[in-house]
Amino acid sequence: MQKAALLLVFVLPISLAVWTVGCAQNEAPPTLKLDIRNVKICSNINYMGDYTVQPDATFDRGDGVWLYFEARSMTAKRVDGKFECWLKFSDFKIFDPNGDMIEHPVDIGDIHERDLDEIPNYIWLWGFFGSATDDAVGQYSWEFTVKDELSGAIGTGSANFTLK
């Protein structure tokens, strides 16, 4: 009887551990997220943090519309005493006032820095929409996705602007 009790004491924890590991393998891995902040609709962008926000995000038809935003919490990889960061502006959609998608470029650009002395607090990105003088009047929606190529983390954002 003592051997049976001893066997139960050892087999039960091992069985629970194997069952727990099996359950964990069936769960979907957590999705990593980039933190998208400081989304601005602008009339001009010069450089990181140097932009002109368009009042009320309202433009005349035919104006250029700029999107500025910052991605934070990206992965930095140490390479030969320096740091590497790599973000890809992977999806970019603009919807007209009727909700119809009028632009959808994919993989439109990336920022791949390989020789950084320190890990940046954020990386800034931008988009541009050149409106035409015959575009519909009304509110347009911008949706975008950025991917951290080193970790697979995804960040999404959106903004609205109006053509008058």
C-alpha atoms as a PDB file:
ATOM      1  CA  MET A   1       0.000   0.000   0.000  1.00  0.00           C
ATOM      2  CA  GLN A   2       2.844   2.373   0.788  1.00  0.00           C
ATOM      3  CA  LYS A   3       4.349   1.818  -2.715  1.00  0.00           C
ATOM      4  CA  ALA A   4       0.997   2.595  -4.331  1.00  0.00           C
ATOM      5  CA  ALA A   5       0.641   5.836  -2.341  1.00  0.00           C
ATOM      6  CA  LEU A   6       4.220   6.833  -3.195  1.00  0.00           C
ATOM      7  CA  LEU A   7       3.601   6.093  -6.876  1.00  0.00           C
ATOM      8  CA  LEU A   8       0.464   8.254  -6.811  1.00  0.00           C
ATOM      9  CA  VAL A   9       2.403  11.151  -5.239  1.00  0.00           C
ATOM     10  CA  PHE A  10       4.929  11.105  -8.097  1.00  0.00           C
ATOM     11  CA  VAL A  11       2.657  10.216 -11.027  1.00  0.00           C
ATOM     12  CA  LEU A  12      -0.080  12.764 -10.297  1.00  0.00           C
ATOM     13  CA  PRO A  13       2.190  15.879 -10.409  1.00  0.00           C
ATOM     14  CA  ILE A  14       3.932  14.609 -13.554  1.00  0.00           C
ATOM     15  CA  SER A  15       0.560  13.940 -15.221  1.00  0.00           C
ATOM     16  CA  LEU A  16      -0.663  17.437 -14.308  1.00  0.00           C
ATOM     17  CA  ALA A  17       2.542  18.994 -15.650  1.00  0.00           C
ATOM     18  CA  VAL A  18       2.233  17.107 -18.961  1.00  0.00           C
ATOM     19  CA  TRP A  19      -1.452  18.034 -19.260  1.00  0.00           C
ATOM     20  CA  THR A  20      -0.675  21.718 -18.535  1.00  0.00           C
ATOM     21  CA  VAL A  21       2.087  21.822 -21.173  1.00  0.00           C
ATOM     22  CA  GLY A  22      -0.246  20.146 -23.676  1.00  0.00           C
ATOM     23  CA  CYS A  23      -2.949  22.746 -23.006  1.00  0.00           C
ATOM     24  CA  ALA A  24      -0.493  25.628 -23.345  1.00  0.00           C
ATOM     25  CA  GLN A  25       0.607  24.353 -26.758  1.00  0.00           C
ATOM     26  CA  ASN A  26      -2.985  24.419 -28.004  1.00  0.00           C
ATOM     27  CA  GLU A  27      -3.537  28.052 -26.991  1.00  0.00           C
ATOM     28  CA  ALA A  28      -2.781  30.772 -29.512  1.00  0.00           C
ATOM     29  CA  PRO A  29       0.392  32.697 -28.712  1.00  0.00           C
ATOM     30  CA  PRO A  30      -0.198  36.226 -27.446  1.00  0.00           C
ATOM     31  CA  THR A  31      -0.253  38.894 -30.148  1.00  0.00           C
ATOM     32  CA  LEU A  32       2.497  41.459 -29.735  1.00  0.00           C
ATOM     33  CA  LYS A  33       1.354  45.035 -30.205  1.00  0.00           C
ATOM     34  CA  LEU A  34       3.170  48.174 -31.204  1.00  0.00           C
ATOM     35  CA  ASP A  35       2.039  51.302 -29.422  1.00  0.00           C
ATOM     36  CA  ILE A  36       0.865  53.855 -32.019  1.00  0.00           C
ATOM     37  CA  ARG A  37       0.707  57.424 -30.672  1.00  0.00           C
ATOM     38  CA  ASN A  38       0.605  61.045 -31.665  1.00  0.00           C
ATOM     39  CA  VAL A  39      -1.456  60.491 -34.813  1.00  0.00           C
ATOM     40  CA  LYS A  40      -1.835  63.863 -36.542  1.00  0.00           C
ATOM     41  CA  ILE A  41      -3.343  65.074 -39.796  1.00  0.00           C
ATOM     42  CA  CYS A  42      -1.010  67.734 -41.146  1.00  0.00           C
ATOM     43  CA  SER A  43      -0.578  70.217 -43.944  1.00  0.00           C
ATOM     44  CA  ASN A  44       3.199  69.767 -43.819  1.00  0.00           C
ATOM     45  CA  ILE A  45       5.821  67.503 -42.250  1.00  0.00           C
ATOM     46  CA  ASN A  46       9.477  68.533 -42.048  1.00  0.00           C
ATOM     47  CA  TYR A  47      10.998  65.937 -39.739  1.00  0.00           C
ATOM     48  CA  MET A  48      10.436  63.926 -36.559  1.00  0.00           C
ATOM     49  CA  GLY A  49       8.186  66.017 -34.320  1.00  0.00           C
ATOM     50  CA  ASP A  50       8.337  68.954 -36.744  1.00  0.00           C
ATOM     51  CA  TYR A  51       4.984  69.162 -38.505  1.00  0.00           C
ATOM     52  CA  THR A  52       2.086  71.556 -39.022  1.00  0.00           C
ATOM     53  CA  VAL A  53      -1.239  70.197 -37.769  1.00  0.00           C
ATOM     54  CA  GLN A  54      -4.095  71.196 -40.061  1.00  0.00           C
ATOM     55  CA  PRO A  55      -6.851  72.961 -38.081  1.00  0.00           C
ATOM     56  CA  ASP A  56      -9.927  70.744 -37.844  1.00  0.00           C
ATOM     57  CA  ALA A  57      -8.158  68.341 -40.281  1.00  0.00           C
ATOM     58  CA  THR A  58     -10.030  70.140 -43.070  1.00  0.00           C
ATOM     59  CA  PHE A  59      -8.496  70.704 -46.504  1.00  0.00           C
ATOM     60  CA  ASP A  60      -9.527  72.176 -49.832  1.00  0.00           C
ATOM     61  CA  ARG A  61      -9.925  69.652 -52.628  1.00  0.00           C
ATOM     62  CA  GLY A  62      -6.607  69.464 -54.470  1.00  0.00           C
ATOM     63  CA  ASP A  63      -4.527  69.876 -51.275  1.00  0.00           C
ATOM     64  CA  GLY A  64      -1.987  67.379 -50.055  1.00  0.00           C
ATOM     65  CA  VAL A  65      -2.946  65.650 -46.805  1.00  0.00           C
ATOM     66  CA  TRP A  66      -0.164  64.357 -44.562  1.00  0.00           C
ATOM     67  CA  LEU A  67      -0.432  61.719 -41.844  1.00  0.00           C
ATOM     68  CA  TYR A  68       2.157  61.797 -39.027  1.00  0.00           C
ATOM     69  CA  PHE A  69       2.421  59.200 -36.260  1.00  0.00           C
ATOM     70  CA  GLU A  70       4.870  57.552 -33.895  1.00  0.00           C
ATOM     71  CA  ALA A  71       5.400  53.868 -33.152  1.00  0.00           C
ATOM     72  CA  ARG A  72       6.671  52.961 -29.696  1.00  0.00           C
ATOM     73  CA  SER A  73       7.577  49.736 -27.880  1.00  0.00           C
ATOM     74  CA  MET A  74       9.318  48.264 -30.907  1.00  0.00           C
ATOM     75  CA  THR A  75      11.973  45.596 -30.605  1.00  0.00           C
ATOM     76  CA  ALA A  76      15.631  46.556 -30.645  1.00  0.00           C
ATOM     77  CA  LYS A  77      18.224  43.914 -31.427  1.00  0.00           C
ATOM     78  CA  ARG A  78      21.852  44.295 -30.334  1.00  0.00           C
ATOM     79  CA  VAL A  79      24.298  43.753 -33.207  1.00  0.00           C
ATOM     80  CA  ASP A  80      28.046  44.333 -32.797  1.00  0.00           C
ATOM     81  CA  GLY A  81      27.595  46.829 -29.953  1.00  0.00           C
ATOM     82  CA  LYS A  82      24.926  48.798 -31.836  1.00  0.00           C
ATOM     83  CA  PHE A  83      21.149  48.480 -32.016  1.00  0.00           C
ATOM     84  CA  GLU A  84      18.865  47.529 -34.881  1.00  0.00           C
ATOM     85  CA  CYS A  85      15.170  48.457 -35.242  1.00  0.00           C
ATOM     86  CA  TRP A  86      12.981  47.599 -38.224  1.00  0.00           C
ATOM     87  CA  LEU A  87       9.425  48.803 -38.791  1.00  0.00           C
ATOM     88  CA  LYS A  88       7.430  48.259 -41.973  1.00  0.00           C
ATOM     89  CA  PHE A  89       4.512  50.477 -42.965  1.00  0.00           C
ATOM     90  CA  SER A  90       2.617  47.463 -44.221  1.00  0.00           C
ATOM     91  CA  ASP A  91      -0.954  48.557 -44.884  1.00  0.00           C
ATOM     92  CA  PHE A  92      -2.455  51.892 -45.787  1.00  0.00           C
ATOM     93  CA  LYS A  93      -6.132  52.430 -46.594  1.00  0.00           C
ATOM     94  CA  ILE A  94      -8.106  55.550 -47.397  1.00  0.00           C
ATOM     95  CA  PHE A  95     -11.898  55.508 -47.530  1.00  0.00           C
ATOM     96  CA  ASP A  96     -13.978  58.210 -49.200  1.00  0.00           C
ATOM     97  CA  PRO A  97     -17.111  59.787 -47.650  1.00  0.00           C
ATOM     98  CA  ASN A  98     -19.228  56.875 -48.975  1.00  0.00           C
ATOM     99  CA  GLY A  99     -17.006  54.325 -47.218  1.00  0.00           C
ATOM    100  CA  ASP A 100     -15.460  53.088 -50.464  1.00  0.00           C
ATOM    101  CA  MET A 101     -11.749  52.283 -50.316  1.00  0.00           C
ATOM    102  CA  ILE A 102      -9.966  54.589 -52.762  1.00  0.00           C
ATOM    103  CA  GLU A 103      -6.348  53.725 -51.899  1.00  0.00           C
ATOM    104  CA  HIS A 104      -4.794  50.550 -50.538  1.00  0.00           C
ATOM    105  CA  PRO A 105      -1.040  50.366 -51.019  1.00  0.00           C
ATOM    106  CA  VAL A 106       0.653  47.473 -49.209  1.00  0.00           C
ATOM    107  CA  ASP A 107       4.253  47.409 -47.962  1.00  0.00           C
ATOM    108  CA  ILE A 108       4.717  51.047 -48.827  1.00  0.00           C
ATOM    109  CA  GLY A 109       7.912  51.605 -46.912  1.00  0.00           C
ATOM    110  CA  ASP A 110      10.030  50.664 -43.989  1.00  0.00           C
ATOM    111  CA  ILE A 111      12.456  52.130 -41.518  1.00  0.00           C
ATOM    112  CA  HIS A 112      15.388  49.773 -41.003  1.00  0.00           C
ATOM    113  CA  GLU A 113      18.020  51.308 -38.740  1.00  0.00           C
ATOM    114  CA  ARG A 114      21.055  49.080 -38.124  1.00  0.00           C
ATOM    115  CA  ASP A 115      23.706  51.285 -36.600  1.00  0.00           C
ATOM    116  CA  LEU A 116      22.013  52.989 -33.643  1.00  0.00           C
ATOM    117  CA  ASP A 117      24.029  53.912 -30.549  1.00  0.00           C
ATOM    118  CA  GLU A 118      20.941  53.670 -28.350  1.00  0.00           C
ATOM    119  CA  ILE A 119      17.408  52.325 -28.512  1.00  0.00           C
ATOM    120  CA  PRO A 120      15.044  55.047 -29.760  1.00  0.00           C
ATOM    121  CA  ASN A 121      11.974  55.957 -27.693  1.00  0.00           C
ATOM    122  CA  TYR A 122       9.926  55.922 -30.886  1.00  0.00           C
ATOM    123  CA  ILE A 123      10.171  55.888 -34.654  1.00  0.00           C
ATOM    124  CA  TRP A 124       8.079  58.336 -36.644  1.00  0.00           C
ATOM    125  CA  LEU A 125       6.339  57.463 -39.890  1.00  0.00           C
ATOM    126  CA  TRP A 126       4.225  59.363 -42.367  1.00  0.00           C
ATOM    127  CA  GLY A 127       1.744  58.918 -45.175  1.00  0.00           C
ATOM    128  CA  PHE A 128       0.537  61.246 -47.902  1.00  0.00           C
ATOM    129  CA  PHE A 129      -2.699  61.576 -49.841  1.00  0.00           C
ATOM    130  CA  GLY A 130      -2.740  63.902 -52.830  1.00  0.00           C
ATOM    131  CA  SER A 131      -6.362  64.888 -53.204  1.00  0.00           C
ATOM    132  CA  ALA A 132      -7.726  65.923 -56.592  1.00  0.00           C
ATOM    133  CA  THR A 133      -9.897  68.958 -57.272  1.00  0.00           C
ATOM    134  CA  ASP A 134     -12.774  66.683 -58.309  1.00  0.00           C
ATOM    135  CA  ASP A 135     -12.664  64.424 -55.211  1.00  0.00           C
ATOM    136  CA  ALA A 136     -15.912  64.167 -53.270  1.00  0.00           C
ATOM    137  CA  VAL A 137     -16.549  66.671 -50.525  1.00  0.00           C
ATOM    138  CA  GLY A 138     -16.852  65.132 -47.049  1.00  0.00           C
ATOM    139  CA  GLN A 139     -15.044  63.114 -44.407  1.00  0.00           C
ATOM    140  CA  TYR A 140     -12.360  60.614 -45.392  1.00  0.00           C
ATOM    141  CA  SER A 141     -10.951  57.880 -43.155  1.00  0.00           C
ATOM    142  CA  TRP A 142      -7.361  56.734 -42.991  1.00  0.00           C
ATOM    143  CA  GLU A 143      -6.435  53.310 -41.574  1.00  0.00           C
ATOM    144  CA  PHE A 144      -2.903  52.020 -41.324  1.00  0.00           C
ATOM    145  CA  THR A 145      -0.860  49.103 -40.021  1.00  0.00           C
ATOM    146  CA  VAL A 146       2.785  48.976 -38.997  1.00  0.00           C
ATOM    147  CA  LYS A 147       4.715  45.768 -38.369  1.00  0.00           C
ATOM    148  CA  ASP A 148       7.838  45.284 -36.271  1.00  0.00           C
ATOM    149  CA  GLU A 149       9.908  43.032 -38.535  1.00  0.00           C
ATOM    150  CA  LEU A 150      12.107  41.853 -35.632  1.00  0.00           C
ATOM    151  CA  SER A 151       9.332  40.687 -33.289  1.00  0.00           C
ATOM    152  CA  GLY A 152       6.241  40.383 -35.478  1.00  0.00           C
ATOM    153  CA  ALA A 153       4.395  42.951 -33.339  1.00  0.00           C
ATOM    154  CA  ILE A 154       1.616  44.853 -35.112  1.00  0.00           C
ATOM    155  CA  GLY A 155       0.314  48.364 -34.519  1.00  0.00           C
ATOM    156  CA  THR A 156      -2.764  49.907 -36.101  1.00  0.00           C
ATOM    157  CA  GLY A 157      -4.162  53.390 -36.190  1.00  0.00           C
ATOM    158  CA  SER A 158      -6.701  55.584 -37.878  1.00  0.00           C
ATOM    159  CA  ALA A 159      -7.470  59.224 -38.499  1.00  0.00           C
ATOM    160  CA  ASN A 160     -10.106  61.282 -40.287  1.00  0.00           C
ATOM    161  CA  PHE A 161      -9.859  64.346 -42.480  1.00  0.00           C
ATOM    162  CA  THR A 162     -12.345  66.388 -44.447  1.00  0.00           C
ATOM    163  CA  LEU A 163     -12.227  67.770 -47.965  1.00  0.00           C
ATOM    164  CA  LYS A 164     -14.326  70.854 -48.629  1.00  0.00           C
END
